[in-house]
Amino acid sequence: MGIYEWGVDSAEDVTEELFQCVVRNFGHPVFWGRYLVRVPAVSEGLTRREISWIHSQGVRILPIYNAFREARGYGHGRAAALDAAYHAGNLGAPKGVPIFANMERFFRVDSAWIRGWTEGMLASGYRSGIYNDPVTGGFNEAFCNAVNENAYLTLQNILWSAEPETEPGGPWSTPDYEPEAPDCGGNVSAWQYSRRVTRCPVDFNLAAGSLVNILW
């Protein structure tokens, strides 16, 4: 059985108040998922001051890119990857760190975008990650079509699954690591297992130790 670490993600800045809310009510996260750029009415973007604060608490950062609302077309996927890499570099994220495209279940998505994102990420020196819902929406079909076009995509991508959703148990009562995967398989190394956290504005996650080791 593998080792899985507990972490959270948030659309809000990681302030001392938010961090202590998580620690006080649930426990100390090993990693924290945060967005690279600000998207109005959706998410706040990382700042260097916030990065320093997170690292000072011994927590790794899982970078997320969400400055897109549709995932169609090879050129758009590659452009998104290069933009994500640009912002990550400006913030000081070292090469080799995975950056996760935030693929919501209601997005229109095709295999070409996934290929463009993956190849753009690899060309930038960062690793390709995709947050996804393999059950609801178009990701499952698009990813499997992309894999049929290029089998290496299963090895080149780190998948972060949003399914299934369970009760929001903290680090001492996490569910068994059983995330849903696309029908064609894939490297599902992270699982957002609960978005029903009420005490603090965060979501709960589990991630394989092998992924946590290469986070920022």
N, C-alpha and C. Protein backbone atom coordinates (compact mmCIF):
# COMPACT_ATOMS: atom_id res chain seq x y z
N MET A 1 0.85 -1.19 0.00
CA MET A 1 0.00 0.00 0.00
C MET A 1 0.89 1.24 0.00
N GLY A 2 0.55 2.23 -0.83
CA GLY A 2 1.35 3.43 -0.93
C GLY A 2 1.13 4.38 0.24
N ILE A 3 1.96 5.42 0.27
CA ILE A 3 1.84 6.46 1.28
C ILE A 3 1.10 7.63 0.66
N TYR A 4 0.06 8.10 1.34
CA TYR A 4 -0.74 9.22 0.85
C TYR A 4 -0.78 10.32 1.91
N GLU A 5 -0.54 11.53 1.45
CA GLU A 5 -0.46 12.67 2.34
C GLU A 5 -1.72 13.53 2.23
N TRP A 6 -2.05 14.20 3.34
CA TRP A 6 -3.25 15.03 3.42
C TRP A 6 -2.91 16.49 3.13
N GLY A 7 -3.75 17.10 2.31
CA GLY A 7 -3.56 18.52 2.03
C GLY A 7 -4.88 19.18 1.68
N VAL A 8 -4.82 20.46 1.41
CA VAL A 8 -6.02 21.23 1.09
C VAL A 8 -5.75 22.08 -0.14
N ASP A 9 -6.82 22.66 -0.69
CA ASP A 9 -6.67 23.69 -1.71
C ASP A 9 -7.67 24.78 -1.41
N SER A 10 -7.37 26.00 -1.87
CA SER A 10 -8.26 27.12 -1.61
C SER A 10 -8.20 28.12 -2.75
N ALA A 11 -9.33 28.78 -2.98
CA ALA A 11 -9.38 29.88 -3.93
C ALA A 11 -8.92 31.17 -3.29
N GLU A 12 -8.96 31.22 -1.97
CA GLU A 12 -8.54 32.41 -1.23
C GLU A 12 -7.04 32.40 -0.95
N ASP A 13 -6.50 33.59 -0.68
CA ASP A 13 -5.12 33.71 -0.23
C ASP A 13 -4.92 32.91 1.05
N VAL A 14 -3.74 32.36 1.21
CA VAL A 14 -3.41 31.66 2.46
C VAL A 14 -2.87 32.69 3.45
N THR A 15 -3.77 33.21 4.26
CA THR A 15 -3.39 34.13 5.32
C THR A 15 -3.12 33.32 6.58
N GLU A 16 -2.54 33.97 7.59
CA GLU A 16 -2.33 33.28 8.86
C GLU A 16 -3.67 32.85 9.45
N GLU A 17 -4.69 33.67 9.27
CA GLU A 17 -6.02 33.33 9.80
C GLU A 17 -6.58 32.07 9.15
N LEU A 18 -6.48 31.98 7.82
CA LEU A 18 -6.99 30.80 7.14
C LEU A 18 -6.17 29.57 7.49
N PHE A 19 -4.86 29.73 7.53
CA PHE A 19 -4.00 28.60 7.87
C PHE A 19 -4.33 28.06 9.26
N GLN A 20 -4.47 28.96 10.22
CA GLN A 20 -4.77 28.53 11.59
C GLN A 20 -6.16 27.93 11.70
N CYS A 21 -7.10 28.38 10.87
CA CYS A 21 -8.43 27.77 10.85
C CYS A 21 -8.32 26.30 10.48
N VAL A 22 -7.52 25.99 9.46
CA VAL A 22 -7.34 24.60 9.04
C VAL A 22 -6.63 23.79 10.12
N VAL A 23 -5.54 24.33 10.64
CA VAL A 23 -4.77 23.60 11.65
C VAL A 23 -5.59 23.36 12.90
N ARG A 24 -6.30 24.38 13.34
CA ARG A 24 -7.06 24.29 14.58
C ARG A 24 -8.23 23.31 14.47
N ASN A 25 -8.90 23.31 13.34
CA ASN A 25 -10.09 22.49 13.19
C ASN A 25 -9.83 21.10 12.63
N PHE A 26 -8.73 20.94 11.90
CA PHE A 26 -8.52 19.67 11.22
C PHE A 26 -7.12 19.09 11.40
N GLY A 27 -6.10 19.90 11.22
CA GLY A 27 -4.74 19.40 11.33
C GLY A 27 -3.82 20.16 10.39
N HIS A 28 -2.57 19.78 10.40
CA HIS A 28 -1.55 20.49 9.63
C HIS A 28 -1.44 19.87 8.24
N PRO A 29 -1.73 20.63 7.17
CA PRO A 29 -1.64 20.06 5.83
C PRO A 29 -0.19 19.89 5.39
N VAL A 30 0.04 18.88 4.59
CA VAL A 30 1.37 18.64 4.02
C VAL A 30 1.57 19.49 2.76
N PHE A 31 0.48 19.74 2.04
CA PHE A 31 0.54 20.57 0.83
C PHE A 31 -0.71 21.42 0.74
N TRP A 32 -0.59 22.48 -0.08
CA TRP A 32 -1.72 23.40 -0.25
C TRP A 32 -1.83 23.76 -1.74
N GLY A 33 -2.98 23.47 -2.33
CA GLY A 33 -3.21 23.83 -3.72
C GLY A 33 -3.63 25.28 -3.85
N ARG A 34 -2.91 26.02 -4.72
CA ARG A 34 -3.20 27.45 -4.92
C ARG A 34 -3.08 27.83 -6.39
N TYR A 35 -3.81 28.87 -6.74
CA TYR A 35 -3.89 29.31 -8.12
C TYR A 35 -2.76 30.28 -8.48
N LEU A 36 -2.24 30.13 -9.69
CA LEU A 36 -1.11 30.95 -10.13
C LEU A 36 -1.53 32.38 -10.46
N VAL A 37 -2.76 32.55 -10.93
CA VAL A 37 -3.21 33.88 -11.35
C VAL A 37 -4.57 34.19 -10.75
N ARG A 38 -4.86 35.48 -10.67
CA ARG A 38 -6.17 35.91 -10.18
C ARG A 38 -7.18 35.85 -11.32
N VAL A 39 -8.32 35.23 -11.05
CA VAL A 39 -9.45 35.22 -11.97
C VAL A 39 -10.60 35.89 -11.24
N PRO A 40 -11.04 37.06 -11.67
CA PRO A 40 -12.07 37.81 -10.95
C PRO A 40 -13.31 36.96 -10.63
N ALA A 41 -13.74 37.07 -9.38
CA ALA A 41 -14.93 36.38 -8.87
C ALA A 41 -14.75 34.86 -8.80
N VAL A 42 -13.52 34.37 -9.04
CA VAL A 42 -13.28 32.92 -8.99
C VAL A 42 -12.17 32.58 -8.01
N SER A 43 -11.00 33.19 -8.18
CA SER A 43 -9.85 32.82 -7.35
C SER A 43 -8.87 33.98 -7.24
N GLU A 44 -8.17 34.02 -6.12
CA GLU A 44 -7.06 34.95 -5.94
C GLU A 44 -5.78 34.27 -6.39
N GLY A 45 -4.85 35.05 -6.94
CA GLY A 45 -3.59 34.50 -7.41
C GLY A 45 -2.52 34.53 -6.34
N LEU A 46 -1.61 33.59 -6.44
CA LEU A 46 -0.48 33.53 -5.51
C LEU A 46 0.36 34.80 -5.56
N THR A 47 0.91 35.17 -4.41
CA THR A 47 1.88 36.26 -4.33
C THR A 47 3.16 35.72 -3.70
N ARG A 48 4.25 36.42 -3.91
CA ARG A 48 5.52 35.98 -3.32
C ARG A 48 5.45 35.98 -1.79
N ARG A 49 4.75 36.94 -1.23
CA ARG A 49 4.61 36.99 0.23
C ARG A 49 3.85 35.76 0.73
N GLU A 50 2.79 35.39 0.03
CA GLU A 50 2.02 34.21 0.41
C GLU A 50 2.86 32.94 0.28
N ILE A 51 3.62 32.87 -0.80
CA ILE A 51 4.49 31.71 -1.01
C ILE A 51 5.47 31.56 0.16
N SER A 52 6.06 32.66 0.57
CA SER A 52 7.00 32.62 1.70
C SER A 52 6.31 32.15 2.97
N TRP A 53 5.08 32.61 3.19
CA TRP A 53 4.34 32.22 4.39
C TRP A 53 4.05 30.72 4.38
N ILE A 54 3.57 30.23 3.24
CA ILE A 54 3.25 28.80 3.14
C ILE A 54 4.49 27.95 3.40
N HIS A 55 5.59 28.31 2.76
CA HIS A 55 6.83 27.54 2.93
C HIS A 55 7.36 27.64 4.35
N SER A 56 7.15 28.77 5.00
CA SER A 56 7.63 28.93 6.38
C SER A 56 6.92 27.99 7.35
N GLN A 57 5.75 27.50 6.93
CA GLN A 57 4.99 26.55 7.76
C GLN A 57 5.31 25.10 7.42
N GLY A 58 6.30 24.91 6.55
CA GLY A 58 6.69 23.55 6.18
C GLY A 58 5.71 22.88 5.24
N VAL A 59 4.97 23.69 4.48
CA VAL A 59 3.93 23.17 3.58
C VAL A 59 4.38 23.36 2.13
N ARG A 60 4.15 22.36 1.30
CA ARG A 60 4.47 22.45 -0.12
C ARG A 60 3.28 23.03 -0.88
N ILE A 61 3.57 23.62 -2.04
CA ILE A 61 2.53 24.26 -2.86
C ILE A 61 2.25 23.40 -4.09
N LEU A 62 0.96 23.16 -4.32
CA LEU A 62 0.51 22.49 -5.53
C LEU A 62 -0.05 23.58 -6.45
N PRO A 63 0.67 23.95 -7.52
CA PRO A 63 0.25 25.07 -8.37
C PRO A 63 -0.89 24.68 -9.32
N ILE A 64 -1.88 25.57 -9.42
CA ILE A 64 -3.05 25.35 -10.26
C ILE A 64 -3.18 26.51 -11.24
N TYR A 65 -3.50 26.19 -12.49
CA TYR A 65 -3.74 27.23 -13.50
C TYR A 65 -5.18 27.15 -13.96
N ASN A 66 -5.90 28.27 -13.84
CA ASN A 66 -7.34 28.24 -14.18
C ASN A 66 -7.78 29.44 -15.01
N ALA A 67 -6.85 30.06 -15.74
CA ALA A 67 -7.20 31.23 -16.54
C ALA A 67 -7.74 30.81 -17.91
N PHE A 68 -8.70 29.91 -17.90
CA PHE A 68 -9.36 29.48 -19.14
C PHE A 68 -10.74 28.94 -18.76
N ARG A 69 -11.68 29.01 -19.70
CA ARG A 69 -13.05 28.57 -19.45
C ARG A 69 -13.52 27.54 -20.48
N GLU A 70 -12.65 27.22 -21.41
CA GLU A 70 -12.94 26.21 -22.42
C GLU A 70 -11.63 25.55 -22.77
N ALA A 71 -11.67 24.24 -23.02
CA ALA A 71 -10.44 23.49 -23.30
C ALA A 71 -10.57 22.79 -24.64
N ARG A 72 -10.51 23.58 -25.70
CA ARG A 72 -10.67 23.04 -27.04
C ARG A 72 -9.60 23.63 -27.95
N GLY A 73 -8.98 22.74 -28.75
CA GLY A 73 -8.00 23.16 -29.74
C GLY A 73 -6.57 23.04 -29.26
N TYR A 74 -5.73 22.47 -30.10
CA TYR A 74 -4.32 22.26 -29.74
C TYR A 74 -3.62 23.57 -29.41
N GLY A 75 -3.82 24.57 -30.25
CA GLY A 75 -3.14 25.85 -30.03
C GLY A 75 -3.54 26.50 -28.72
N HIS A 76 -4.82 26.41 -28.37
CA HIS A 76 -5.27 26.99 -27.11
C HIS A 76 -4.68 26.24 -25.91
N GLY A 77 -4.59 24.92 -26.03
CA GLY A 77 -3.99 24.14 -24.94
C GLY A 77 -2.52 24.47 -24.75
N ARG A 78 -1.80 24.59 -25.84
CA ARG A 78 -0.37 24.92 -25.74
C ARG A 78 -0.18 26.34 -25.22
N ALA A 79 -1.02 27.27 -25.66
CA ALA A 79 -0.92 28.64 -25.18
C ALA A 79 -1.20 28.72 -23.68
N ALA A 80 -2.18 27.96 -23.21
CA ALA A 80 -2.48 27.94 -21.79
C ALA A 80 -1.29 27.41 -20.99
N ALA A 81 -0.65 26.37 -21.50
CA ALA A 81 0.52 25.80 -20.82
C ALA A 81 1.66 26.81 -20.74
N LEU A 82 1.91 27.50 -21.81
CA LEU A 82 3.02 28.46 -21.82
C LEU A 82 2.71 29.66 -20.92
N ASP A 83 1.44 30.05 -20.86
CA ASP A 83 1.05 31.14 -19.95
C ASP A 83 1.21 30.69 -18.50
N ALA A 84 0.79 29.45 -18.21
CA ALA A 84 0.95 28.92 -16.85
C ALA A 84 2.42 28.87 -16.46
N ALA A 85 3.26 28.41 -17.39
CA ALA A 85 4.70 28.33 -17.11
C ALA A 85 5.29 29.71 -16.89
N TYR A 86 4.84 30.70 -17.65
CA TYR A 86 5.31 32.08 -17.50
C TYR A 86 5.01 32.59 -16.09
N HIS A 87 3.77 32.42 -15.64
CA HIS A 87 3.40 32.91 -14.31
C HIS A 87 4.13 32.12 -13.20
N ALA A 88 4.26 30.82 -13.40
CA ALA A 88 4.98 30.02 -12.40
C ALA A 88 6.43 30.47 -12.29
N GLY A 89 7.06 30.72 -13.42
CA GLY A 89 8.44 31.19 -13.40
C GLY A 89 8.58 32.54 -12.73
N ASN A 90 7.64 33.45 -12.99
CA ASN A 90 7.69 34.77 -12.36
C ASN A 90 7.56 34.70 -10.85
N LEU A 91 6.86 33.67 -10.37
CA LEU A 91 6.68 33.51 -8.93
C LEU A 91 7.82 32.72 -8.29
N GLY A 92 8.72 32.19 -9.12
CA GLY A 92 9.87 31.48 -8.58
C GLY A 92 9.72 29.97 -8.48
N ALA A 93 8.69 29.41 -9.11
CA ALA A 93 8.51 27.96 -9.06
C ALA A 93 9.62 27.28 -9.86
N PRO A 94 10.34 26.34 -9.26
CA PRO A 94 11.43 25.69 -9.98
C PRO A 94 10.93 24.77 -11.08
N LYS A 95 11.72 24.62 -12.13
CA LYS A 95 11.37 23.69 -13.20
C LYS A 95 11.31 22.26 -12.64
N GLY A 96 10.47 21.46 -13.26
CA GLY A 96 10.26 20.10 -12.79
C GLY A 96 9.06 19.95 -11.89
N VAL A 97 8.52 21.08 -11.40
CA VAL A 97 7.32 21.05 -10.58
C VAL A 97 6.10 20.83 -11.48
N PRO A 98 5.12 20.03 -11.06
CA PRO A 98 3.90 19.89 -11.87
C PRO A 98 2.97 21.08 -11.69
N ILE A 99 2.36 21.51 -12.79
CA ILE A 99 1.34 22.55 -12.77
C ILE A 99 0.05 21.90 -13.26
N PHE A 100 -1.03 22.11 -12.52
CA PHE A 100 -2.29 21.44 -12.82
C PHE A 100 -3.27 22.38 -13.51
N ALA A 101 -3.69 22.00 -14.71
CA ALA A 101 -4.77 22.70 -15.39
C ALA A 101 -6.07 22.39 -14.66
N ASN A 102 -6.83 23.43 -14.35
CA ASN A 102 -8.08 23.26 -13.61
C ASN A 102 -9.23 22.99 -14.59
N MET A 103 -9.49 21.73 -14.85
CA MET A 103 -10.49 21.31 -15.83
C MET A 103 -11.80 21.01 -15.10
N GLU A 104 -12.71 21.98 -15.08
CA GLU A 104 -13.98 21.78 -14.40
C GLU A 104 -14.91 20.88 -15.22
N ARG A 105 -15.84 20.24 -14.55
CA ARG A 105 -16.72 19.25 -15.19
C ARG A 105 -17.63 19.86 -16.26
N PHE A 106 -17.89 21.17 -16.17
CA PHE A 106 -18.79 21.82 -17.13
C PHE A 106 -18.05 22.41 -18.32
N PHE A 107 -16.72 22.25 -18.37
CA PHE A 107 -15.94 22.78 -19.50
C PHE A 107 -16.19 21.97 -20.77
N ARG A 108 -16.17 22.65 -21.90
CA ARG A 108 -16.09 21.97 -23.18
C ARG A 108 -14.62 21.62 -23.41
N VAL A 109 -14.35 20.36 -23.71
CA VAL A 109 -12.96 19.90 -23.77
C VAL A 109 -12.80 18.92 -24.92
N ASP A 110 -11.64 18.96 -25.57
CA ASP A 110 -11.35 17.97 -26.60
C ASP A 110 -9.92 17.44 -26.44
N SER A 111 -9.62 16.40 -27.18
CA SER A 111 -8.32 15.74 -27.05
C SER A 111 -7.19 16.63 -27.51
N ALA A 112 -7.46 17.49 -28.49
CA ALA A 112 -6.40 18.37 -29.01
C ALA A 112 -5.90 19.32 -27.94
N TRP A 113 -6.81 19.87 -27.14
CA TRP A 113 -6.40 20.78 -26.05
C TRP A 113 -5.50 20.04 -25.06
N ILE A 114 -5.90 18.84 -24.72
CA ILE A 114 -5.11 18.05 -23.75
C ILE A 114 -3.71 17.79 -24.31
N ARG A 115 -3.61 17.45 -25.59
CA ARG A 115 -2.28 17.25 -26.20
C ARG A 115 -1.48 18.55 -26.19
N GLY A 116 -2.14 19.66 -26.52
CA GLY A 116 -1.45 20.95 -26.53
C GLY A 116 -0.95 21.34 -25.16
N TRP A 117 -1.79 21.17 -24.14
CA TRP A 117 -1.40 21.49 -22.77
C TRP A 117 -0.21 20.62 -22.35
N THR A 118 -0.32 19.33 -22.59
CA THR A 118 0.73 18.40 -22.16
C THR A 118 2.06 18.73 -22.83
N GLU A 119 2.04 18.90 -24.13
CA GLU A 119 3.28 19.16 -24.86
C GLU A 119 3.84 20.54 -24.53
N GLY A 120 2.96 21.52 -24.31
CA GLY A 120 3.42 22.85 -23.91
C GLY A 120 4.07 22.83 -22.54
N MET A 121 3.49 22.10 -21.61
CA MET A 121 4.07 22.00 -20.28
C MET A 121 5.44 21.34 -20.32
N LEU A 122 5.54 20.25 -21.05
CA LEU A 122 6.82 19.54 -21.11
C LEU A 122 7.88 20.41 -21.77
N ALA A 123 7.50 21.16 -22.80
CA ALA A 123 8.45 22.04 -23.47
C ALA A 123 8.93 23.16 -22.56
N SER A 124 8.09 23.55 -21.61
CA SER A 124 8.43 24.65 -20.70
C SER A 124 9.39 24.22 -19.59
N GLY A 125 9.52 22.93 -19.38
CA GLY A 125 10.36 22.44 -18.28
C GLY A 125 9.58 22.07 -17.03
N TYR A 126 8.28 22.38 -17.02
CA TYR A 126 7.42 21.95 -15.91
C TYR A 126 6.74 20.64 -16.27
N ARG A 127 6.14 20.00 -15.28
CA ARG A 127 5.44 18.75 -15.54
C ARG A 127 3.95 19.03 -15.72
N SER A 128 3.30 18.18 -16.49
CA SER A 128 1.90 18.38 -16.84
C SER A 128 0.98 17.68 -15.85
N GLY A 129 0.07 18.47 -15.28
CA GLY A 129 -0.96 17.93 -14.40
C GLY A 129 -2.32 18.41 -14.86
N ILE A 130 -3.35 17.63 -14.58
CA ILE A 130 -4.72 18.02 -14.92
C ILE A 130 -5.66 17.65 -13.78
N TYR A 131 -6.29 18.68 -13.20
CA TYR A 131 -7.40 18.45 -12.27
C TYR A 131 -8.63 18.16 -13.11
N ASN A 132 -9.38 17.11 -12.78
CA ASN A 132 -10.46 16.69 -13.66
C ASN A 132 -11.54 15.92 -12.92
N ASP A 133 -12.69 15.84 -13.57
CA ASP A 133 -13.78 14.97 -13.11
C ASP A 133 -13.93 13.88 -14.16
N PRO A 134 -13.50 12.65 -13.86
CA PRO A 134 -13.57 11.58 -14.86
C PRO A 134 -14.95 10.94 -14.98
N VAL A 135 -15.91 11.40 -14.18
CA VAL A 135 -17.25 10.81 -14.18
C VAL A 135 -18.26 11.71 -14.89
N THR A 136 -18.28 12.98 -14.52
CA THR A 136 -19.25 13.94 -15.07
C THR A 136 -18.55 14.89 -16.03
N GLY A 137 -19.15 15.13 -17.18
CA GLY A 137 -18.55 16.05 -18.14
C GLY A 137 -17.76 15.33 -19.22
N GLY A 138 -17.03 16.10 -20.01
CA GLY A 138 -16.38 15.56 -21.20
C GLY A 138 -14.94 15.14 -21.04
N PHE A 139 -14.37 15.24 -19.83
CA PHE A 139 -12.94 14.95 -19.72
C PHE A 139 -12.61 13.50 -20.04
N ASN A 140 -13.39 12.56 -19.53
CA ASN A 140 -13.07 11.14 -19.73
C ASN A 140 -12.92 10.81 -21.21
N GLU A 141 -13.89 11.21 -22.01
CA GLU A 141 -13.83 10.91 -23.44
C GLU A 141 -12.66 11.63 -24.11
N ALA A 142 -12.47 12.90 -23.77
CA ALA A 142 -11.39 13.68 -24.40
C ALA A 142 -10.02 13.11 -24.03
N PHE A 143 -9.83 12.77 -22.78
CA PHE A 143 -8.53 12.23 -22.36
C PHE A 143 -8.26 10.89 -23.03
N CYS A 144 -9.26 10.03 -23.07
CA CYS A 144 -9.04 8.71 -23.69
C CYS A 144 -8.82 8.84 -25.19
N ASN A 145 -9.48 9.80 -25.83
CA ASN A 145 -9.19 10.05 -27.25
C ASN A 145 -7.75 10.51 -27.43
N ALA A 146 -7.30 11.38 -26.51
CA ALA A 146 -5.91 11.86 -26.59
C ALA A 146 -4.92 10.72 -26.39
N VAL A 147 -5.24 9.82 -25.48
CA VAL A 147 -4.37 8.67 -25.23
C VAL A 147 -4.34 7.75 -26.45
N ASN A 148 -5.47 7.60 -27.12
CA ASN A 148 -5.50 6.79 -28.34
C ASN A 148 -4.63 7.39 -29.43
N GLU A 149 -4.53 8.73 -29.44
CA GLU A 149 -3.70 9.42 -30.42
C GLU A 149 -2.22 9.37 -30.04
N ASN A 150 -1.96 9.35 -28.73
CA ASN A 150 -0.58 9.33 -28.23
C ASN A 150 -0.57 8.63 -26.88
N ALA A 151 -0.17 7.37 -26.88
CA ALA A 151 -0.23 6.55 -25.67
C ALA A 151 0.65 7.10 -24.55
N TYR A 152 1.67 7.88 -24.90
CA TYR A 152 2.57 8.41 -23.88
C TYR A 152 1.89 9.43 -22.97
N LEU A 153 0.72 9.92 -23.37
CA LEU A 153 0.02 10.89 -22.54
C LEU A 153 -0.33 10.34 -21.17
N THR A 154 -0.51 9.02 -21.08
CA THR A 154 -0.81 8.43 -19.78
C THR A 154 0.39 8.55 -18.84
N LEU A 155 1.59 8.53 -19.38
CA LEU A 155 2.80 8.65 -18.57
C LEU A 155 3.19 10.11 -18.35
N GLN A 156 2.83 10.97 -19.28
CA GLN A 156 3.26 12.36 -19.23
C GLN A 156 2.37 13.24 -18.36
N ASN A 157 1.21 12.72 -17.96
CA ASN A 157 0.27 13.51 -17.16
C ASN A 157 0.08 12.96 -15.77
N ILE A 158 0.00 13.88 -14.81
CA ILE A 158 -0.37 13.55 -13.44
C ILE A 158 -1.81 14.00 -13.26
N LEU A 159 -2.70 13.06 -12.96
CA LEU A 159 -4.11 13.38 -12.84
C LEU A 159 -4.52 13.59 -11.38
N TRP A 160 -5.38 14.58 -11.20
CA TRP A 160 -5.93 14.94 -9.88
C TRP A 160 -7.44 14.81 -10.00
N SER A 161 -7.99 13.77 -9.42
CA SER A 161 -9.39 13.42 -9.61
C SER A 161 -10.30 14.12 -8.61
N ALA A 162 -11.48 14.53 -9.10
CA ALA A 162 -12.48 15.16 -8.24
C ALA A 162 -13.57 14.18 -7.80
N GLU A 163 -13.40 12.92 -8.13
CA GLU A 163 -14.44 11.92 -7.82
C GLU A 163 -13.83 10.68 -7.16
N PRO A 164 -14.60 10.04 -6.27
CA PRO A 164 -15.89 10.45 -5.75
C PRO A 164 -15.75 11.47 -4.63
N GLU A 165 -16.83 12.14 -4.30
CA GLU A 165 -16.81 13.07 -3.17
C GLU A 165 -17.30 12.34 -1.92
N THR A 166 -16.56 12.52 -0.83
CA THR A 166 -16.87 11.83 0.42
C THR A 166 -17.06 12.85 1.53
N GLU A 167 -17.24 12.35 2.74
CA GLU A 167 -17.37 13.23 3.90
C GLU A 167 -16.03 13.92 4.17
N PRO A 168 -16.06 15.14 4.75
CA PRO A 168 -14.83 15.92 4.94
C PRO A 168 -14.03 15.53 6.18
N GLY A 169 -13.58 14.29 6.24
CA GLY A 169 -12.72 13.89 7.35
C GLY A 169 -11.34 14.50 7.19
N GLY A 170 -10.76 14.94 8.30
CA GLY A 170 -9.43 15.53 8.28
C GLY A 170 -8.34 14.48 8.20
N PRO A 171 -7.10 14.86 8.51
CA PRO A 171 -5.97 13.94 8.31
C PRO A 171 -6.01 12.68 9.15
N TRP A 172 -6.80 12.68 10.22
CA TRP A 172 -6.86 11.49 11.06
C TRP A 172 -8.04 10.59 10.71
N SER A 173 -8.85 11.01 9.74
CA SER A 173 -10.00 10.19 9.35
C SER A 173 -10.23 10.28 7.84
N THR A 174 -9.16 10.16 7.08
CA THR A 174 -9.28 10.23 5.63
C THR A 174 -9.85 8.92 5.08
N PRO A 175 -10.51 8.99 3.94
CA PRO A 175 -11.01 7.76 3.33
C PRO A 175 -9.86 6.95 2.74
N ASP A 176 -10.13 5.68 2.45
CA ASP A 176 -9.16 4.89 1.70
C ASP A 176 -8.95 5.55 0.34
N TYR A 177 -7.73 5.47 -0.16
CA TYR A 177 -7.40 6.14 -1.43
C TYR A 177 -7.99 5.37 -2.59
N GLU A 178 -9.19 5.81 -3.02
CA GLU A 178 -9.90 5.13 -4.10
C GLU A 178 -10.53 6.16 -5.05
N PRO A 179 -9.71 7.02 -5.67
CA PRO A 179 -10.26 7.99 -6.61
C PRO A 179 -10.70 7.33 -7.91
N GLU A 180 -11.65 7.97 -8.58
CA GLU A 180 -12.05 7.53 -9.91
C GLU A 180 -10.97 7.92 -10.92
N ALA A 181 -10.82 7.10 -11.94
CA ALA A 181 -9.86 7.35 -13.01
C ALA A 181 -10.59 7.31 -14.35
N PRO A 182 -10.01 7.88 -15.40
CA PRO A 182 -10.60 7.73 -16.73
C PRO A 182 -10.70 6.26 -17.13
N ASP A 183 -11.60 5.98 -18.05
CA ASP A 183 -11.79 4.59 -18.49
C ASP A 183 -10.52 3.98 -19.06
N CYS A 184 -9.66 4.82 -19.62
CA CYS A 184 -8.41 4.34 -20.22
C CYS A 184 -7.25 4.34 -19.24
N GLY A 185 -7.54 4.56 -17.97
CA GLY A 185 -6.49 4.56 -16.96
C GLY A 185 -5.85 5.93 -16.81
N GLY A 186 -4.62 5.93 -16.33
CA GLY A 186 -3.92 7.18 -16.10
C GLY A 186 -3.29 7.21 -14.72
N ASN A 187 -2.39 8.14 -14.54
CA ASN A 187 -1.64 8.28 -13.30
C ASN A 187 -2.39 9.20 -12.35
N VAL A 188 -3.35 8.64 -11.61
CA VAL A 188 -4.17 9.44 -10.68
C VAL A 188 -3.43 9.50 -9.35
N SER A 189 -2.67 10.58 -9.17
CA SER A 189 -1.81 10.72 -7.99
C SER A 189 -2.37 11.65 -6.95
N ALA A 190 -3.53 12.27 -7.23
CA ALA A 190 -4.16 13.15 -6.24
C ALA A 190 -5.66 13.01 -6.33
N TRP A 191 -6.32 13.24 -5.22
CA TRP A 191 -7.78 13.08 -5.13
C TRP A 191 -8.35 14.18 -4.24
N GLN A 192 -9.20 15.01 -4.83
CA GLN A 192 -9.94 16.00 -4.05
C GLN A 192 -11.20 15.28 -3.53
N TYR A 193 -11.13 14.79 -2.31
CA TYR A 193 -12.18 13.89 -1.84
C TYR A 193 -13.35 14.58 -1.16
N SER A 194 -13.21 15.87 -0.83
CA SER A 194 -14.35 16.56 -0.24
C SER A 194 -14.30 18.05 -0.53
N ARG A 195 -15.45 18.56 -1.01
CA ARG A 195 -15.64 19.99 -1.21
C ARG A 195 -16.74 20.50 -0.28
N ARG A 196 -17.02 19.72 0.76
CA ARG A 196 -18.11 20.07 1.68
C ARG A 196 -17.58 20.52 3.04
N VAL A 197 -16.43 21.14 3.05
CA VAL A 197 -15.84 21.62 4.30
C VAL A 197 -16.55 22.92 4.69
N THR A 198 -17.06 22.98 5.92
CA THR A 198 -17.84 24.15 6.33
C THR A 198 -17.08 25.08 7.27
N ARG A 199 -16.14 24.59 8.01
CA ARG A 199 -15.49 25.43 9.02
C ARG A 199 -14.45 26.38 8.43
N CYS A 200 -13.85 26.00 7.32
CA CYS A 200 -12.83 26.82 6.66
C CYS A 200 -13.07 26.74 5.15
N PRO A 201 -12.80 27.81 4.39
CA PRO A 201 -13.05 27.80 2.95
C PRO A 201 -11.96 27.07 2.16
N VAL A 202 -11.88 25.76 2.35
CA VAL A 202 -10.90 24.92 1.66
C VAL A 202 -11.56 23.63 1.22
N ASP A 203 -10.88 22.90 0.34
CA ASP A 203 -11.26 21.55 -0.04
C ASP A 203 -10.21 20.59 0.50
N PHE A 204 -10.61 19.34 0.70
CA PHE A 204 -9.69 18.33 1.25
C PHE A 204 -9.17 17.42 0.14
N ASN A 205 -7.90 17.04 0.28
CA ASN A 205 -7.24 16.22 -0.74
C ASN A 205 -6.33 15.17 -0.12
N LEU A 206 -6.11 14.12 -0.88
CA LEU A 206 -5.06 13.16 -0.62
C LEU A 206 -4.16 13.10 -1.85
N ALA A 207 -2.87 12.96 -1.63
CA ALA A 207 -1.93 12.85 -2.76
C ALA A 207 -0.88 11.81 -2.44
N ALA A 208 -0.47 11.10 -3.47
CA ALA A 208 0.58 10.09 -3.32
C ALA A 208 1.88 10.75 -2.88
N GLY A 209 2.62 10.07 -2.02
CA GLY A 209 3.88 10.61 -1.55
C GLY A 209 4.83 10.94 -2.69
N SER A 210 4.78 10.14 -3.76
CA SER A 210 5.65 10.40 -4.90
C SER A 210 5.34 11.73 -5.57
N LEU A 211 4.06 12.16 -5.56
CA LEU A 211 3.70 13.48 -6.07
C LEU A 211 4.11 14.57 -5.10
N VAL A 212 3.81 14.38 -3.83
CA VAL A 212 4.15 15.40 -2.83
C VAL A 212 5.64 15.71 -2.86
N ASN A 213 6.45 14.71 -3.10
CA ASN A 213 7.91 14.90 -3.12
C ASN A 213 8.37 15.85 -4.22
N ILE A 214 7.57 16.01 -5.29
CA ILE A 214 8.01 16.89 -6.38
C ILE A 214 7.20 18.19 -6.44
N LEU A 215 6.34 18.42 -5.44
CA LEU A 215 5.62 19.68 -5.38
C LEU A 215 6.59 20.79 -5.02
N TRP A 216 6.13 22.01 -5.11
CA TRP A 216 6.94 23.20 -4.89
C TRP A 216 7.10 23.45 -3.39
